């Protein structure tokens, strides 16, 4: 089975993480994992619930990964 898309949502904020939107917070380890998935051509969509607009996770990460 080939995975083509992953939905990311509900990653809680805690110490050491950076909030990228109201539902998702990431740290360096998370960012590295998302970069590896992205490099494999897997779509990374960010939304808390299915009715939320689809956001590109890598665009959110680009704002905080400098």
C-alpha atoms as a PDB file:
ATOM      1  CA  UNK A   1       0.000   0.000   0.000  1.00  0.00           C
ATOM      2  CA  UNK A   2       1.422   3.354  -1.023  1.00  0.00           C
ATOM      3  CA  UNK A   3       0.669   6.346   1.193  1.00  0.00           C
ATOM      4  CA  UNK A   4       0.068   9.465  -0.897  1.00  0.00           C
ATOM      5  CA  UNK A   5      -1.388  11.871   1.669  1.00  0.00           C
ATOM      6  CA  UNK A   6      -1.206  12.378   5.440  1.00  0.00           C
ATOM      7  CA  UNK A   7      -3.502  14.602   7.505  1.00  0.00           C
ATOM      8  CA  UNK A   8      -1.812  16.360  10.438  1.00  0.00           C
ATOM      9  CA  UNK A   9      -3.923  17.799  13.242  1.00  0.00           C
ATOM     10  CA  UNK A  10      -4.145  17.890  16.997  1.00  0.00           C
ATOM     11  CA  UNK A  11      -0.428  18.117  17.865  1.00  0.00           C
ATOM     12  CA  UNK A  12      -0.614  19.879  21.235  1.00  0.00           C
ATOM     13  CA  UNK A  13       1.669  22.692  22.334  1.00  0.00           C
ATOM     14  CA  UNK A  14       4.135  21.978  25.130  1.00  0.00           C
ATOM     15  CA  UNK A  15       7.520  23.256  26.198  1.00  0.00           C
ATOM     16  CA  UNK A  16      10.062  23.033  23.391  1.00  0.00           C
ATOM     17  CA  UNK A  17       7.476  23.120  20.605  1.00  0.00           C
ATOM     18  CA  UNK A  18       6.529  25.988  18.313  1.00  0.00           C
ATOM     19  CA  UNK A  19       2.908  26.568  17.390  1.00  0.00           C
ATOM     20  CA  UNK A  20       2.356  26.707  13.606  1.00  0.00           C
ATOM     21  CA  UNK A  21      -1.427  27.113  13.803  1.00  0.00           C
ATOM     22  CA  UNK A  22      -4.182  26.728  16.397  1.00  0.00           C
ATOM     23  CA  UNK A  23      -4.063  22.912  16.293  1.00  0.00           C
ATOM     24  CA  UNK A  24      -0.446  22.029  15.515  1.00  0.00           C
ATOM     25  CA  UNK A  25       2.821  22.568  17.388  1.00  0.00           C
ATOM     26  CA  UNK A  26       6.137  21.121  16.252  1.00  0.00           C
ATOM     27  CA  UNK A  27       9.704  20.696  17.413  1.00  0.00           C
ATOM     28  CA  UNK A  28      12.877  20.025  15.424  1.00  0.00           C
ATOM     29  CA  UNK A  29      12.258  16.261  15.434  1.00  0.00           C
ATOM     30  CA  UNK A  30       8.737  16.719  14.042  1.00  0.00           C
ATOM     31  CA  UNK A  31      10.008  19.089  11.344  1.00  0.00           C
ATOM     32  CA  UNK A  32      12.678  16.593  10.284  1.00  0.00           C
ATOM     33  CA  UNK A  33      10.084  13.801  10.031  1.00  0.00           C
ATOM     34  CA  UNK A  34       7.756  15.977   7.945  1.00  0.00           C
ATOM     35  CA  UNK A  35      10.639  16.935   5.637  1.00  0.00           C
ATOM     36  CA  UNK A  36      11.425  13.243   5.062  1.00  0.00           C
ATOM     37  CA  UNK A  37       7.795  12.456   4.225  1.00  0.00           C
ATOM     38  CA  UNK A  38       7.625  15.480   1.920  1.00  0.00           C
ATOM     39  CA  UNK A  39      10.815  14.368   0.140  1.00  0.00           C
ATOM     40  CA  UNK A  40       9.068  11.068  -0.639  1.00  0.00           C
ATOM     41  CA  UNK A  41       6.321  12.974  -2.411  1.00  0.00           C
ATOM     42  CA  UNK A  42       3.714  12.464   0.308  1.00  0.00           C
ATOM     43  CA  UNK A  43       1.166  15.279   0.534  1.00  0.00           C
ATOM     44  CA  UNK A  44       1.103  16.723   4.065  1.00  0.00           C
ATOM     45  CA  UNK A  45      -2.168  18.475   4.801  1.00  0.00           C
ATOM     46  CA  UNK A  46      -2.875  20.293   8.043  1.00  0.00           C
ATOM     47  CA  UNK A  47      -6.387  20.562   9.448  1.00  0.00           C
ATOM     48  CA  UNK A  48      -7.967  19.825  12.797  1.00  0.00           C
ATOM     49  CA  UNK A  49     -11.270  18.510  11.434  1.00  0.00           C
ATOM     50  CA  UNK A  50     -12.337  17.480   7.947  1.00  0.00           C
ATOM     51  CA  UNK A  51     -14.448  20.618   7.457  1.00  0.00           C
ATOM     52  CA  UNK A  52     -11.453  22.937   8.032  1.00  0.00           C
ATOM     53  CA  UNK A  53      -9.715  24.254   4.916  1.00  0.00           C
ATOM     54  CA  UNK A  54      -6.758  22.150   3.806  1.00  0.00           C
ATOM     55  CA  UNK A  55      -3.421  23.843   4.562  1.00  0.00           C
ATOM     56  CA  UNK A  56      -0.033  22.695   3.294  1.00  0.00           C
ATOM     57  CA  UNK A  57       2.012  21.573   6.286  1.00  0.00           C
ATOM     58  CA  UNK A  58       5.307  22.469   4.627  1.00  0.00           C
ATOM     59  CA  UNK A  59       4.100  26.064   4.165  1.00  0.00           C
ATOM     60  CA  UNK A  60       3.337  26.254   7.896  1.00  0.00           C
ATOM     61  CA  UNK A  61       6.738  24.781   8.757  1.00  0.00           C
ATOM     62  CA  UNK A  62       8.515  27.235   6.432  1.00  0.00           C
ATOM     63  CA  UNK A  63       7.221  30.096   8.573  1.00  0.00           C
ATOM     64  CA  UNK A  64       8.945  28.780  11.730  1.00  0.00           C
ATOM     65  CA  UNK A  65      11.912  26.750  10.401  1.00  0.00           C
ATOM     66  CA  UNK A  66      14.529  29.397   9.732  1.00  0.00           C
END
